[in-house]
Protein backbone atom coordinates (compact mmCIF):
# COMPACT_ATOMS: atom_id res chain seq x y z
CA UNK A 1 30.20 -18.07 -9.23
CA UNK A 2 29.28 -18.99 -12.78
CA UNK A 3 26.28 -17.39 -14.35
CA UNK A 4 23.53 -19.64 -15.73
CA UNK A 5 24.63 -18.89 -19.29
CA UNK A 6 28.02 -20.50 -18.53
CA UNK A 7 26.51 -23.95 -18.08
CA UNK A 8 26.90 -26.31 -21.04
CA UNK A 9 27.21 -29.24 -18.61
CA UNK A 10 25.30 -30.04 -15.42
CA UNK A 11 25.67 -27.31 -12.79
CA UNK A 12 28.24 -27.89 -10.04
CA UNK A 13 27.01 -30.43 -7.50
CA UNK A 14 24.48 -31.97 -9.87
CA UNK A 15 24.65 -35.81 -9.73
CA UNK A 16 24.15 -35.93 -13.50
CA UNK A 17 27.91 -35.31 -13.67
CA UNK A 18 28.53 -38.91 -12.73
CA UNK A 19 26.26 -40.36 -15.42
CA UNK A 20 27.52 -38.80 -18.58
CA UNK A 21 24.85 -36.12 -18.39
CA UNK A 22 22.16 -38.69 -19.29
CA UNK A 23 20.61 -39.26 -15.85
CA UNK A 24 17.51 -37.53 -14.57
CA UNK A 25 18.56 -34.26 -12.98
CA UNK A 26 17.62 -34.10 -9.26
CA UNK A 27 15.68 -31.03 -8.18
CA UNK A 28 15.31 -31.77 -4.48
CA UNK A 29 18.74 -30.91 -3.09
CA UNK A 30 20.32 -27.71 -1.82
CA UNK A 31 22.21 -27.27 -5.11
CA UNK A 32 18.98 -26.73 -7.02
CA UNK A 33 17.60 -24.40 -4.34
CA UNK A 34 20.79 -22.31 -4.49
CA UNK A 35 20.90 -21.96 -8.29
CA UNK A 36 17.68 -22.97 -10.09
CA UNK A 37 18.48 -20.77 -13.09
CA UNK A 38 21.69 -22.71 -13.66
CA UNK A 39 19.75 -25.96 -13.59
CA UNK A 40 17.12 -24.62 -16.01
CA UNK A 41 19.86 -23.53 -18.40
CA UNK A 42 21.28 -27.05 -18.37
CA UNK A 43 17.84 -28.67 -18.67
CA UNK A 44 17.18 -26.69 -21.84
CA UNK A 45 19.98 -28.63 -23.55
CA UNK A 46 17.63 -31.66 -23.55
CA UNK A 47 15.03 -29.79 -25.62
CA UNK A 48 11.62 -28.46 -24.54
CA UNK A 49 11.27 -31.15 -21.84
CA UNK A 50 14.03 -32.69 -19.73
CA UNK A 51 14.30 -35.75 -17.45
CA UNK A 52 14.26 -34.78 -13.78
CA UNK A 53 14.06 -36.52 -10.41
CA UNK A 54 11.58 -34.86 -8.06
CA UNK A 55 12.64 -36.93 -5.05
CA UNK A 56 14.70 -40.13 -4.86
CA UNK A 57 13.13 -42.64 -7.25
CA UNK A 58 10.40 -40.29 -8.53
CA UNK A 59 11.10 -39.34 -12.14
CA UNK A 60 9.28 -36.95 -14.47
CA UNK A 61 9.74 -34.77 -17.53
CA UNK A 62 9.97 -31.03 -16.84
CA UNK A 63 8.82 -28.65 -19.59
CA UNK A 64 11.12 -25.62 -19.72
CA UNK A 65 10.01 -24.06 -23.04
CA UNK A 66 7.31 -21.36 -22.94
CA UNK A 67 5.47 -22.42 -26.10
CA UNK A 68 5.65 -26.11 -25.16
CA UNK A 69 4.36 -25.32 -21.66
CA UNK A 70 1.35 -23.50 -23.12
CA UNK A 71 0.72 -26.46 -25.45
CA UNK A 72 0.58 -28.89 -22.53
CA UNK A 73 -1.52 -26.60 -20.34
CA UNK A 74 -4.03 -25.87 -23.11
CA UNK A 75 -4.50 -29.43 -24.44
CA UNK A 76 -6.38 -31.36 -21.74
CA UNK A 77 -7.47 -34.02 -24.25
CA UNK A 78 -3.86 -35.23 -24.60
CA UNK A 79 -2.37 -34.17 -21.24
CA UNK A 80 -4.65 -35.05 -18.31
CA UNK A 81 -4.26 -34.27 -14.60
CA UNK A 82 -5.60 -37.52 -13.15
CA UNK A 83 -2.64 -39.22 -11.42
CA UNK A 84 -4.40 -42.57 -11.54
CA UNK A 85 -2.81 -42.81 -15.00
CA UNK A 86 0.68 -42.65 -13.46
CA UNK A 87 2.29 -45.75 -15.01
CA UNK A 88 5.24 -46.15 -12.62
CA UNK A 89 3.01 -45.70 -9.56
CA UNK A 90 0.57 -48.32 -10.82
CA UNK A 91 3.48 -50.68 -11.51
CA UNK A 92 4.73 -50.38 -7.93
CA UNK A 93 7.94 -48.60 -8.99
CA UNK A 94 7.46 -45.46 -6.87
CA UNK A 95 8.56 -45.33 -3.21
CA UNK A 96 5.35 -44.57 -1.34
CA UNK A 97 7.26 -42.97 1.54
CA UNK A 98 8.59 -40.29 -0.82
CA UNK A 99 7.97 -36.73 0.32
CA UNK A 100 6.71 -35.69 -3.12
CA UNK A 101 4.22 -38.52 -3.71
CA UNK A 102 1.41 -37.16 -1.45
CA UNK A 103 1.52 -33.94 -3.47
CA UNK A 104 0.96 -35.83 -6.73
CA UNK A 105 -1.61 -38.50 -5.82
CA UNK A 106 -5.14 -38.27 -7.21
CA UNK A 107 -7.76 -36.54 -5.10
CA UNK A 108 -11.40 -35.87 -6.01
CA UNK A 109 -11.10 -32.12 -6.58
CA UNK A 110 -10.69 -29.59 -9.37
CA UNK A 111 -6.88 -29.81 -9.39
CA UNK A 112 -6.64 -33.53 -10.20
CA UNK A 113 -9.76 -34.11 -12.32
CA UNK A 114 -10.49 -33.90 -16.04
CA UNK A 115 -13.41 -33.58 -18.41
CA UNK A 116 -16.92 -33.38 -16.97
CA UNK A 117 -15.67 -34.03 -13.41
CA UNK A 118 -13.29 -31.10 -13.69
CA UNK A 119 -15.98 -28.84 -15.11
CA UNK A 120 -18.26 -29.69 -12.18
CA UNK A 121 -15.59 -29.06 -9.55
CA UNK A 122 -14.30 -25.94 -11.27
CA UNK A 123 -17.79 -24.44 -11.48
CA UNK A 124 -18.31 -24.97 -7.77
CA UNK A 125 -14.98 -23.32 -6.93
CA UNK A 126 -15.19 -20.35 -9.33
CA UNK A 127 -18.81 -19.52 -8.45
CA UNK A 128 -18.01 -19.80 -4.75
CA UNK A 129 -14.96 -17.55 -5.00
CA UNK A 130 -17.02 -15.04 -6.99
CA UNK A 131 -19.11 -14.52 -3.83
CA UNK A 132 -16.13 -13.20 -1.87
CA UNK A 133 -16.62 -9.50 -1.18
CA UNK A 134 -13.32 -7.75 -1.94
CA UNK A 135 -14.06 -4.96 0.56
CA UNK A 136 -14.63 -7.49 3.32
CA UNK A 137 -11.47 -9.35 2.29
CA UNK A 138 -9.48 -6.11 2.31
CA UNK A 139 -10.71 -5.24 5.80
CA UNK A 140 -9.76 -8.63 7.13
CA UNK A 141 -6.28 -8.55 5.57
CA UNK A 142 -5.85 -5.16 7.22
CA UNK A 143 -6.87 -6.52 10.63
CA UNK A 144 -4.70 -9.63 10.37
CA UNK A 145 -1.66 -7.65 9.23
CA UNK A 146 -2.20 -5.15 12.08
CA UNK A 147 -2.36 -7.98 14.58
CA UNK A 148 0.78 -9.73 13.36
CA UNK A 149 2.77 -6.50 13.18
CA UNK A 150 1.69 -5.68 16.72
CA UNK A 151 3.13 -9.05 17.78
CA UNK A 152 6.67 -8.03 16.77
CA UNK A 153 6.80 -4.25 16.38
CA UNK A 154 8.12 -3.73 19.91
CA UNK A 155 11.15 -5.94 19.26
CA UNK A 156 12.74 -3.98 16.44
CA UNK A 157 13.49 -7.22 14.57
CA UNK A 158 11.47 -9.87 12.77
CA UNK A 159 11.69 -12.84 10.46
CA UNK A 160 9.32 -11.62 7.75
CA UNK A 161 8.72 -15.17 6.52
CA UNK A 162 7.93 -17.05 9.76
CA UNK A 163 6.34 -14.15 11.64
CA UNK A 164 4.45 -12.45 8.82
CA UNK A 165 4.36 -13.74 5.22
CA UNK A 166 3.53 -17.32 6.20
CA UNK A 167 0.84 -16.39 8.71
CA UNK A 168 -1.16 -13.70 6.91
CA UNK A 169 -2.65 -16.02 4.23
CA UNK A 170 -3.46 -18.74 6.76
CA UNK A 171 -5.26 -16.37 9.13
CA UNK A 172 -7.12 -14.68 6.27
CA UNK A 173 -8.23 -18.04 4.86
CA UNK A 174 -9.42 -19.03 8.35
CA UNK A 175 -11.79 -16.07 8.20
CA UNK A 176 -12.89 -16.78 4.63
CA UNK A 177 -13.65 -20.43 5.45
CA UNK A 178 -15.43 -19.61 8.71
CA UNK A 179 -13.14 -21.39 11.17
CA UNK A 180 -13.88 -20.99 14.90
CA UNK A 181 -10.93 -20.51 17.25
CA UNK A 182 -10.03 -24.10 18.11
CA UNK A 183 -10.44 -25.48 14.58
CA UNK A 184 -8.61 -22.46 13.18
CA UNK A 185 -5.64 -23.12 15.48
CA UNK A 186 -5.50 -26.75 14.32
CA UNK A 187 -5.75 -25.67 10.70
CA UNK A 188 -2.90 -23.14 10.99
CA UNK A 189 -0.78 -25.64 12.88
CA UNK A 190 -1.27 -28.60 10.53
CA UNK A 191 -0.72 -26.58 7.34
CA UNK A 192 2.38 -24.94 8.86
CA UNK A 193 3.76 -28.42 9.60
CA UNK A 194 3.06 -29.51 6.02
CA UNK A 195 4.79 -26.42 4.65
CA UNK A 196 7.84 -27.05 6.81
CA UNK A 197 7.95 -30.82 6.24
CA UNK A 198 7.32 -31.67 9.91
CA UNK A 199 5.57 -35.03 10.49
CA UNK A 200 3.69 -34.71 7.19
CA UNK A 201 1.60 -37.89 7.58
CA UNK A 202 0.39 -36.90 11.04
CA UNK A 203 -0.20 -33.32 9.91
CA UNK A 204 -2.39 -34.54 7.02
CA UNK A 205 -4.36 -36.70 9.46
CA UNK A 206 -4.93 -33.73 11.77
CA UNK A 207 -5.85 -31.50 8.81
CA UNK A 208 -8.37 -34.06 7.53
CA UNK A 209 -9.94 -34.48 10.98
CA UNK A 210 -10.12 -30.70 11.39
CA UNK A 211 -11.88 -30.25 8.05
CA UNK A 212 -14.34 -33.04 8.89
CA UNK A 213 -15.20 -31.15 12.08
CA UNK A 214 -15.53 -27.89 10.16
CA UNK A 215 -17.89 -29.47 7.62
CA UNK A 216 -20.01 -30.99 10.40
CA UNK A 217 -20.16 -27.60 12.12
CA UNK A 218 -21.23 -25.83 8.93
CA UNK A 219 -23.93 -28.41 8.25
CA UNK A 220 -25.39 -27.62 11.66
CA UNK A 221 -24.64 -23.89 11.59
CA UNK A 222 -24.07 -22.58 8.04
CA UNK A 223 -22.56 -19.12 7.79
CA UNK A 224 -21.53 -16.43 5.35
CA UNK A 225 -18.28 -18.16 4.44
CA UNK A 226 -16.58 -20.19 1.71
CA UNK A 227 -17.11 -23.55 3.45
CA UNK A 228 -20.86 -23.00 3.70
CA UNK A 229 -21.05 -21.73 0.12
CA UNK A 230 -19.19 -24.79 -1.19
CA UNK A 231 -21.62 -27.05 0.69
CA UNK A 232 -24.69 -25.16 -0.57
CA UNK A 233 -23.64 -25.08 -4.24
CA UNK A 234 -25.92 -26.98 -6.67
CA UNK A 235 -22.86 -28.99 -7.73
CA UNK A 236 -23.46 -31.00 -4.53
CA UNK A 237 -19.94 -32.02 -3.57
CA UNK A 238 -19.69 -35.09 -1.34
CA UNK A 239 -17.97 -34.82 2.04
CA UNK A 240 -14.88 -36.50 0.58
CA UNK A 241 -14.86 -33.98 -2.28
CA UNK A 242 -15.41 -31.08 0.14
CA UNK A 243 -12.47 -32.13 2.32
CA UNK A 244 -10.22 -32.54 -0.70
CA UNK A 245 -11.32 -29.25 -2.27
CA UNK A 246 -10.95 -27.20 0.93
CA UNK A 247 -7.58 -28.79 1.68
CA UNK A 248 -6.34 -27.83 -1.78
CA UNK A 249 -7.82 -24.33 -1.69
CA UNK A 250 -6.35 -23.46 1.73
CA UNK A 251 -3.05 -25.33 1.54
CA UNK A 252 -2.54 -24.68 -2.17
CA UNK A 253 -3.50 -21.04 -1.72
CA UNK A 254 -1.44 -20.32 1.38
CA UNK A 255 1.91 -21.64 0.09
CA UNK A 256 2.12 -19.57 -3.13
CA UNK A 257 0.71 -16.46 -1.45
CA UNK A 258 3.23 -16.77 1.36
CA UNK A 259 6.06 -17.16 -1.13
CA UNK A 260 4.83 -14.28 -3.26
CA UNK A 261 4.76 -11.96 -0.23
CA UNK A 262 8.20 -13.08 0.96
CA UNK A 263 9.86 -12.90 -2.45
CA UNK A 264 8.38 -9.47 -3.16
CA UNK A 265 9.49 -8.13 0.24
CA UNK A 266 12.98 -9.41 -0.50
CA UNK A 267 13.01 -7.34 -3.69
CA UNK A 268 11.54 -4.24 -2.08
CA UNK A 269 14.08 -4.31 0.75
CA UNK A 270 17.16 -5.11 -1.32
CA UNK A 271 16.84 -4.09 -4.97
CA UNK A 272 17.91 -0.52 -5.69
CA UNK A 273 15.08 -0.21 -8.21
CA UNK A 274 12.68 -0.31 -5.30
CA UNK A 275 14.60 0.71 -2.19
CA UNK A 276 17.92 2.31 -2.91
CA UNK A 277 17.59 5.47 -4.97
CA UNK A 278 15.45 8.50 -5.71
CA UNK A 279 13.34 6.62 -8.23
CA UNK A 280 12.13 4.03 -5.73
CA UNK A 281 9.04 6.01 -4.69
CA UNK A 282 7.65 5.86 -8.22
CA UNK A 283 7.65 2.06 -8.31
CA UNK A 284 4.63 0.41 -6.77
CA UNK A 285 4.30 -2.77 -4.76
CA UNK A 286 2.48 -4.16 -7.78
CA UNK A 287 5.66 -3.73 -9.83
CA UNK A 288 7.66 -5.83 -7.37
CA UNK A 289 4.97 -8.51 -7.38
CA UNK A 290 4.92 -8.60 -11.17
CA UNK A 291 8.72 -8.84 -11.11
CA UNK A 292 8.47 -11.87 -8.82
CA UNK A 293 5.76 -13.54 -10.92
CA UNK A 294 7.99 -13.28 -13.98
CA UNK A 295 11.42 -13.94 -12.47
CA UNK A 296 10.88 -15.82 -9.18
CA UNK A 297 7.41 -17.38 -9.31
CA UNK A 298 6.35 -18.70 -5.90
CA UNK A 299 5.44 -22.09 -7.36
CA UNK A 300 8.33 -22.78 -9.70
CA UNK A 301 7.50 -26.28 -10.99
CA UNK A 302 4.10 -27.91 -10.78
CA UNK A 303 0.98 -28.88 -12.76
CA UNK A 304 1.52 -32.62 -13.13
CA UNK A 305 0.11 -33.98 -16.40
CA UNK A 306 -0.03 -37.49 -17.84
CA UNK A 307 -0.08 -38.08 -21.62
CA UNK A 308 -2.97 -40.36 -22.59
CA UNK A 309 -0.77 -41.85 -25.34
CA UNK A 310 2.84 -41.61 -26.49
CA UNK A 311 3.34 -38.13 -27.92
CA UNK A 312 6.07 -35.85 -29.26
CA UNK A 313 6.41 -32.41 -27.76
CA UNK A 314 8.41 -30.27 -30.19
CA UNK A 315 10.59 -33.28 -31.00
CA UNK A 316 10.84 -34.70 -27.48
CA UNK A 317 9.11 -38.05 -26.93
CA UNK A 318 6.85 -38.33 -23.90
CA UNK A 319 5.49 -41.73 -22.90
CA UNK A 320 1.89 -42.40 -21.98
CA UNK A 321 1.32 -42.32 -18.22
CA UNK A 322 4.67 -40.75 -17.33
CA UNK A 323 4.37 -37.50 -15.34
CA UNK A 324 5.03 -34.24 -17.18
CA UNK A 325 5.44 -31.13 -15.00
CA UNK A 326 5.52 -27.51 -16.10
CA UNK A 327 8.42 -25.30 -15.03
CA UNK A 328 6.69 -21.94 -14.72
CA UNK A 329 10.03 -20.43 -13.71
CA UNK A 330 11.98 -21.82 -16.68
CA UNK A 331 9.19 -21.03 -19.17
CA UNK A 332 9.04 -17.42 -17.94
CA UNK A 333 12.79 -17.08 -18.49
CA UNK A 334 12.77 -18.87 -21.86
CA UNK A 335 15.49 -17.22 -24.00
CA UNK A 336 13.08 -17.10 -26.95
CA UNK A 337 11.18 -14.42 -25.01
CA UNK A 338 14.26 -12.29 -24.37
CA UNK A 339 13.55 -9.57 -26.93
CA UNK A 340 10.01 -8.88 -25.81
CA UNK A 341 9.79 -10.32 -22.30
CA UNK A 342 10.01 -7.08 -20.37
CA UNK A 343 7.22 -5.46 -22.40
CA UNK A 344 4.82 -8.40 -22.19
CA UNK A 345 1.47 -8.00 -20.47
CA UNK A 346 1.33 -8.79 -16.78
CA UNK A 347 -0.93 -11.67 -17.78
CA UNK A 348 1.59 -13.25 -20.15
CA UNK A 349 3.69 -14.95 -17.47
CA UNK A 350 2.77 -18.50 -16.48
CA UNK A 351 3.03 -18.10 -12.70
CA UNK A 352 -0.73 -18.67 -12.36
CA UNK A 353 -0.77 -21.46 -14.93
CA UNK A 354 -2.93 -21.38 -18.08
CA UNK A 355 -5.72 -23.31 -19.71
CA UNK A 356 -8.62 -24.99 -17.88
CA UNK A 357 -6.60 -25.51 -14.68
CA UNK A 358 -5.33 -21.94 -14.30
CA UNK A 359 -5.39 -20.78 -10.68
CA UNK A 360 -8.97 -19.92 -9.66
CA UNK A 361 -7.83 -17.86 -6.66
CA UNK A 362 -5.45 -15.49 -8.46
CA UNK A 363 -7.36 -12.30 -7.66
CA UNK A 364 -7.73 -12.93 -3.90
CA UNK A 365 -4.07 -14.00 -3.71
CA UNK A 366 -2.92 -10.80 -5.42
CA UNK A 367 -5.12 -8.63 -3.22
CA UNK A 368 -3.86 -10.33 -0.04
CA UNK A 369 -0.23 -9.98 -1.16
CA UNK A 370 -0.46 -6.32 -2.13
CA UNK A 371 -2.30 -5.23 1.02
CA UNK A 372 -0.02 -7.28 3.29
CA UNK A 373 3.12 -5.67 1.89
CA UNK A 374 1.69 -2.15 1.83
CA UNK A 375 0.56 -2.44 5.45
CA UNK A 376 4.03 -3.51 6.60
CA UNK A 377 5.83 -0.74 4.72
CA UNK A 378 3.38 1.89 5.98
CA UNK A 379 3.55 0.71 9.60
CA UNK A 380 7.34 0.27 9.69
CA UNK A 381 8.70 2.73 7.10
CA UNK A 382 12.34 2.30 8.10
CA UNK A 383 12.33 -1.51 7.93
CA UNK A 384 15.39 -3.00 6.24
CA UNK A 385 17.13 -6.34 5.86
CA UNK A 386 19.31 -7.20 8.85
CA UNK A 387 21.56 -9.53 6.84
CA UNK A 388 23.19 -9.16 3.41
CA UNK A 389 20.78 -10.21 0.67
CA UNK A 390 23.46 -12.58 -0.65
CA UNK A 391 23.31 -14.57 2.59
CA UNK A 392 19.59 -15.39 2.27
CA UNK A 393 18.85 -19.05 1.62
CA UNK A 394 16.01 -20.86 -0.12
CA UNK A 395 14.02 -23.86 1.07
CA UNK A 396 15.05 -27.02 -0.79
CA UNK A 397 12.36 -28.71 -2.84
CA UNK A 398 11.46 -29.13 -6.51
CA UNK A 399 8.14 -27.28 -6.50
CA UNK A 400 8.43 -23.93 -4.76
CA UNK A 401 10.67 -20.88 -4.76
CA UNK A 402 10.55 -19.97 -1.09
CA UNK A 403 12.91 -18.20 1.27
CA UNK A 404 14.01 -20.00 4.41
CA UNK A 405 13.81 -16.74 6.33
CA UNK A 406 13.89 -12.99 5.75
CA UNK A 407 15.46 -11.27 8.79
CA UNK A 408 14.72 -7.56 9.08
CA UNK A 409 15.16 -4.73 11.58
CA UNK A 410 13.39 -1.44 12.25
CA UNK A 411 12.89 1.16 14.96
CA UNK A 412 10.89 -0.51 17.77
CA UNK A 413 7.38 0.79 18.42
CA UNK A 414 6.20 1.43 21.98
CA UNK A 415 3.30 -0.85 22.81
CA UNK A 416 2.68 -0.69 26.56
CA UNK A 417 -0.93 -1.51 27.36
CA UNK A 418 -1.65 -2.78 23.86
CA UNK A 419 -4.06 -5.65 23.29
CA UNK A 420 -1.29 -7.51 21.51
CA UNK A 421 0.88 -7.35 24.62
CA UNK A 422 -1.89 -8.92 26.69
CA UNK A 423 -2.08 -11.80 24.24
CA UNK A 424 1.64 -12.23 23.68
CA UNK A 425 2.52 -15.33 21.66
CA UNK A 426 5.14 -16.22 24.25
CA UNK A 427 2.46 -16.89 26.87
CA UNK A 428 0.23 -19.11 24.76
CA UNK A 429 0.28 -22.88 24.76
CA UNK A 430 -0.12 -25.05 21.66
CA UNK A 431 -3.16 -27.23 20.96
CA UNK A 432 -2.79 -31.00 20.90
CA UNK A 433 -0.62 -31.74 17.89
CA UNK A 434 0.87 -34.67 16.01
CA UNK A 435 4.53 -33.86 16.14
CA UNK A 436 5.57 -32.95 19.68
CA UNK A 437 7.03 -30.02 17.81
CA UNK A 438 9.21 -27.10 18.36
CA UNK A 439 8.21 -23.80 19.91
CA UNK A 440 7.91 -22.12 16.50
CA UNK A 441 5.20 -24.52 15.45
CA UNK A 442 3.49 -24.23 18.83
CA UNK A 443 3.24 -20.48 18.35
CA UNK A 444 1.81 -20.89 14.86
CA UNK A 445 -0.76 -23.26 16.32
CA UNK A 446 -2.32 -20.55 18.49
CA UNK A 447 -2.25 -17.51 16.24
CA UNK A 448 -5.89 -17.77 15.16
CA UNK A 449 -7.35 -17.85 18.68
CA UNK A 450 -4.83 -15.16 19.64
CA UNK A 451 -6.01 -12.99 16.76
CA UNK A 452 -9.66 -13.48 17.71
CA UNK A 453 -8.90 -12.53 21.31
CA UNK A 454 -6.94 -9.48 20.18
CA UNK A 455 -9.70 -8.36 17.83
CA UNK A 456 -12.50 -8.83 20.38
CA UNK A 457 -10.38 -7.32 23.18
């Protein structure tokens, strides 16, 4: 296979081949998922920003240059986040049934707002997250990880994505946001469907209804949780704003944290720096996570911006109202950083964004990821990949860098009489759901009540 540096033309399989190299480069197919670095190398030939197609008929410019990415992220007066400025959408040129469009539409929350509205939302979120007790969070991550490991440790095999990395953040966020059993099951189920692209419209409807119920519950019975704190903040978010903010915080927090855990476990179980020689013990889980944030960021391309007027970005013209996305992955691997990249501060990568919209939940996400990985490696010290690392595949999609699965094996642990055995996932039934879905989703839809039963039992 060619290395990314070999590409002076579109990578193999890229439809830009058939258009003289001038067409928008599609980022939604399996070719991009298999070799994103090759695509980024080709996209750099356009300059600091390149024309891409996020899904059929949805075009944008993707910033691949580190300095240009910082310029966009740090200049909210010129590059705004409010998608109501999206020219092609307003002109009726965007297919509304596109899978990517719901991820880009305006919502009244901190992610999609600007100016005073953004400052108000951001203050509510940052001051609420500042109330999270890290010791309490650590204890809950420990309990959730224990529970999930007990669900599979007697089998001697596991998919570390579906059975562990994807579920830990969701169950931890259920605790942080104060979800009771039934609502927590619906929340886990609907977000899992959204992550996996299963009946997305119906999953969003269920998620919205669940959050409305949660808000009503917390109005009647406020608790020591993020939902109650958001509602009590002097910023006085409306119910519509609360639903939108909570949906973004849980869904937008779970996906990158899941991917960070999975991508770091892949490194730890396959890269000789971490697993294969006598020096492995001296490298910490934090090193693997930092490696991922630089080289395989869990959200690869995101942060949609809209120029308020026609503007040049380092010689590349960007039109007012046309979406401009940041490639965190391409910017982190910008060749201009090659001489100093490995010695840069852990904060210099762009995996968490930059500027006024930088991720507000970075610290909890890092803590959850580190503790989740350490717990697994301590509980199952002989765990290893059960397939060659070269055979692992990545989920298609323009935004994330996420493994399809991560099969592993280990010495089974005896668990007769354990609480986990009494609440085996195989004996649970799913809650009412929108998709009539597969058994895997049914199991995800009952993990929160199963965890609560296990913990109380």
